[in-house]
């Protein structure tokens, strides 16, 4: 499991704990610590950013693989050239050896090109996969946070209405008491 996934699950677990610690006010209504909720919501982008860092690491590895393949190809080509010159100088079969060296060089060049292309393709696939995973996790965390905030807003609006109704009822009781004491 990726580190960012662990962070996301931990954040969700913390949200569940915050929910369980909530103080019931009315059926279906809780009072929760808004600072804790804010801290949890603020941590979501950090959990997603690990995937972005993973994608950067993969891209860096792609460049390193390509550079290594290029250096290996150049080394092999240089070795083949050195071998060709050595054979040309040592033998009376110069032409046969030169043809052999050229074929060898061409074969090595093609193999290096294949290695380079395979490394590039693999790095591209890894980058795309990491990017897609990062986007999905970011969208899911934002959607989850939005849903939490919407629910919290609804709960707060209902709680506000209850408070307003209670204040109005108290005002009515006070007025009734005042009227009653005036008539007595």
Protein backbone atom coordinates (compact mmCIF):
# COMPACT_ATOMS: atom_id res chain seq x y z
CA UNK A 1 0.00 0.00 0.00
CA UNK A 2 1.42 3.39 -1.00
CA UNK A 3 2.37 5.83 1.73
CA UNK A 4 -0.21 8.34 0.50
CA UNK A 5 -2.94 5.71 0.69
CA UNK A 6 -1.95 5.00 4.30
CA UNK A 7 -2.14 8.72 5.06
CA UNK A 8 -5.59 8.94 3.46
CA UNK A 9 -6.87 5.94 5.47
CA UNK A 10 -5.38 7.44 8.63
CA UNK A 11 -7.17 10.74 7.95
CA UNK A 12 -10.44 8.90 7.37
CA UNK A 13 -9.89 6.98 10.63
CA UNK A 14 -9.28 10.25 12.44
CA UNK A 15 -12.52 11.62 11.00
CA UNK A 16 -14.37 8.55 12.24
CA UNK A 17 -12.85 9.01 15.71
CA UNK A 18 -13.87 12.67 15.70
CA UNK A 19 -17.40 11.61 14.77
CA UNK A 20 -17.45 9.01 17.58
CA UNK A 21 -16.22 11.63 20.07
CA UNK A 22 -19.00 14.03 19.04
CA UNK A 23 -21.52 15.07 21.68
CA UNK A 24 -25.09 14.22 20.69
CA UNK A 25 -27.34 17.28 20.87
CA UNK A 26 -30.43 16.07 19.08
CA UNK A 27 -31.12 12.80 17.33
CA UNK A 28 -28.84 12.75 14.31
CA UNK A 29 -26.95 15.90 15.45
CA UNK A 30 -23.49 16.09 17.02
CA UNK A 31 -21.26 18.81 18.37
CA UNK A 32 -17.64 18.22 17.30
CA UNK A 33 -14.34 20.04 17.79
CA UNK A 34 -14.11 22.36 14.78
CA UNK A 35 -10.33 22.81 15.18
CA UNK A 36 -9.79 19.07 14.92
CA UNK A 37 -12.06 18.93 11.86
CA UNK A 38 -10.17 21.81 10.27
CA UNK A 39 -6.81 20.09 10.94
CA UNK A 40 -8.04 16.89 9.35
CA UNK A 41 -9.39 18.66 6.27
CA UNK A 42 -6.14 20.65 5.96
CA UNK A 43 -4.11 17.42 5.96
CA UNK A 44 -5.83 15.96 2.87
CA UNK A 45 -3.75 17.90 0.29
CA UNK A 46 -0.52 16.75 1.99
CA UNK A 47 -1.62 13.12 1.73
CA UNK A 48 -2.24 13.53 -1.99
CA UNK A 49 1.03 15.40 -2.62
CA UNK A 50 3.03 12.18 -1.92
CA UNK A 51 1.74 10.77 -5.20
CA UNK A 52 2.93 13.84 -7.01
CA UNK A 53 6.39 13.38 -5.44
CA UNK A 54 6.33 9.70 -6.44
CA UNK A 55 5.62 10.76 -10.03
CA UNK A 56 8.62 13.12 -9.94
CA UNK A 57 10.85 10.33 -8.66
CA UNK A 58 9.65 8.05 -11.46
CA UNK A 59 10.40 10.75 -14.04
CA UNK A 60 13.86 11.22 -12.57
CA UNK A 61 14.47 7.47 -12.72
CA UNK A 62 13.35 7.49 -16.36
CA UNK A 63 15.98 10.12 -17.16
CA UNK A 64 18.62 8.13 -15.27
CA UNK A 65 17.71 4.93 -17.14
CA UNK A 66 17.88 6.75 -20.47
CA UNK A 67 21.21 8.34 -19.57
CA UNK A 68 22.59 4.99 -18.44
CA UNK A 69 21.43 3.31 -21.68
CA UNK A 70 22.99 6.10 -23.73
CA UNK A 71 26.30 5.82 -21.85
CA UNK A 72 26.27 2.04 -22.22
CA UNK A 73 25.58 2.36 -25.95
CA UNK A 74 28.40 4.87 -26.36
CA UNK A 75 30.76 2.62 -24.39
CA UNK A 76 29.83 -0.39 -26.50
CA UNK A 77 30.23 1.60 -29.71
CA UNK A 78 33.60 2.96 -28.55
CA UNK A 79 34.71 -0.55 -27.59
CA UNK A 80 33.64 -1.82 -31.01
CA UNK A 81 35.51 1.02 -32.74
CA UNK A 82 38.63 0.32 -30.70
CA UNK A 83 38.38 -3.37 -31.50
CA UNK A 84 37.92 -2.58 -35.18
CA UNK A 85 41.01 -0.38 -35.33
CA UNK A 86 43.03 -2.94 -33.42
CA UNK A 87 41.99 -5.70 -35.79
CA UNK A 88 42.66 -3.55 -38.84
CA UNK A 89 46.17 -2.84 -37.63
CA UNK A 90 46.96 -6.43 -36.62
CA UNK A 91 45.60 -8.44 -39.51
CA UNK A 92 45.86 -8.79 -43.24
CA UNK A 93 42.14 -9.54 -43.25
CA UNK A 94 41.30 -5.88 -42.82
CA UNK A 95 38.27 -5.83 -45.02
CA UNK A 96 36.63 -8.92 -43.50
CA UNK A 97 37.27 -7.63 -40.02
CA UNK A 98 35.98 -4.17 -40.86
CA UNK A 99 32.73 -5.66 -42.18
CA UNK A 100 32.44 -7.83 -39.09
CA UNK A 101 33.05 -4.85 -36.81
CA UNK A 102 30.48 -2.75 -38.67
CA UNK A 103 27.85 -5.48 -38.37
CA UNK A 104 28.71 -5.86 -34.70
CA UNK A 105 28.45 -2.10 -34.17
CA UNK A 106 25.13 -1.96 -36.01
CA UNK A 107 23.73 -4.88 -33.98
CA UNK A 108 24.85 -3.26 -30.74
CA UNK A 109 23.42 0.07 -31.79
CA UNK A 110 20.05 -1.53 -32.55
CA UNK A 111 20.05 -3.38 -29.23
CA UNK A 112 20.86 -0.16 -27.39
CA UNK A 113 18.07 1.63 -29.23
CA UNK A 114 15.67 -1.12 -28.19
CA UNK A 115 16.80 -0.90 -24.55
CA UNK A 116 16.46 2.87 -24.64
CA UNK A 117 12.98 2.69 -26.17
CA UNK A 118 11.82 0.04 -23.69
CA UNK A 119 13.11 2.13 -20.77
CA UNK A 120 11.41 5.23 -22.14
CA UNK A 121 8.09 3.39 -22.63
CA UNK A 122 8.20 1.90 -19.14
CA UNK A 123 8.97 5.28 -17.60
CA UNK A 124 6.11 6.89 -19.53
CA UNK A 125 3.68 4.21 -18.35
CA UNK A 126 4.81 4.60 -14.73
CA UNK A 127 4.50 8.38 -14.93
CA UNK A 128 1.02 8.19 -16.44
CA UNK A 129 -0.12 5.63 -13.89
CA UNK A 130 1.22 7.70 -10.99
CA UNK A 131 -0.39 10.84 -12.38
CA UNK A 132 -3.77 9.10 -12.80
CA UNK A 133 -3.60 7.67 -9.28
CA UNK A 134 -2.69 11.07 -7.89
CA UNK A 135 -5.60 12.76 -9.67
CA UNK A 136 -8.08 10.10 -8.51
CA UNK A 137 -6.95 10.35 -4.89
CA UNK A 138 -7.01 14.15 -4.95
CA UNK A 139 -10.52 14.20 -6.42
CA UNK A 140 -11.75 11.62 -3.91
CA UNK A 141 -10.29 13.52 -0.96
CA UNK A 142 -11.74 16.81 -2.17
CA UNK A 143 -15.14 15.22 -2.73
CA UNK A 144 -15.05 13.65 0.74
CA UNK A 145 -14.01 16.95 2.35
CA UNK A 146 -16.76 18.80 0.46
CA UNK A 147 -19.35 16.27 1.64
CA UNK A 148 -18.16 16.65 5.25
CA UNK A 149 -18.34 20.42 5.01
CA UNK A 150 -21.81 20.30 3.44
CA UNK A 151 -23.06 17.99 6.20
CA UNK A 152 -21.46 20.19 8.83
CA UNK A 153 -23.08 23.28 7.30
CA UNK A 154 -26.48 21.60 7.31
CA UNK A 155 -26.05 20.50 10.90
CA UNK A 156 -24.97 23.97 11.97
CA UNK A 157 -27.93 25.57 10.17
CA UNK A 158 -30.33 23.21 11.93
CA UNK A 159 -28.65 23.85 15.27
CA UNK A 160 -28.85 27.61 14.65
CA UNK A 161 -32.57 27.28 13.92
CA UNK A 162 -33.08 25.34 17.17
CA UNK A 163 -31.26 28.08 19.10
CA UNK A 164 -33.32 30.80 17.40
CA UNK A 165 -36.56 28.92 18.18
CA UNK A 166 -35.47 28.54 21.82
CA UNK A 167 -34.71 32.24 22.09
CA UNK A 168 -38.06 33.13 20.55
CA UNK A 169 -39.86 30.77 22.93
CA UNK A 170 -38.05 32.33 25.92
CA UNK A 171 -39.03 35.79 24.68
CA UNK A 172 -42.67 34.71 24.43
CA UNK A 173 -42.54 33.26 27.98
CA UNK A 174 -41.04 36.50 29.30
CA UNK A 175 -43.70 38.58 27.59
CA UNK A 176 -46.43 36.29 28.93
CA UNK A 177 -44.93 36.55 32.45
CA UNK A 178 -44.72 40.35 32.14
CA UNK A 179 -48.32 40.59 31.00
CA UNK A 180 -49.46 38.29 33.77
CA UNK A 181 -47.62 40.29 36.48
CA UNK A 182 -49.16 43.54 35.12
CA UNK A 183 -52.68 42.09 35.43
CA UNK A 184 -52.15 40.90 38.95
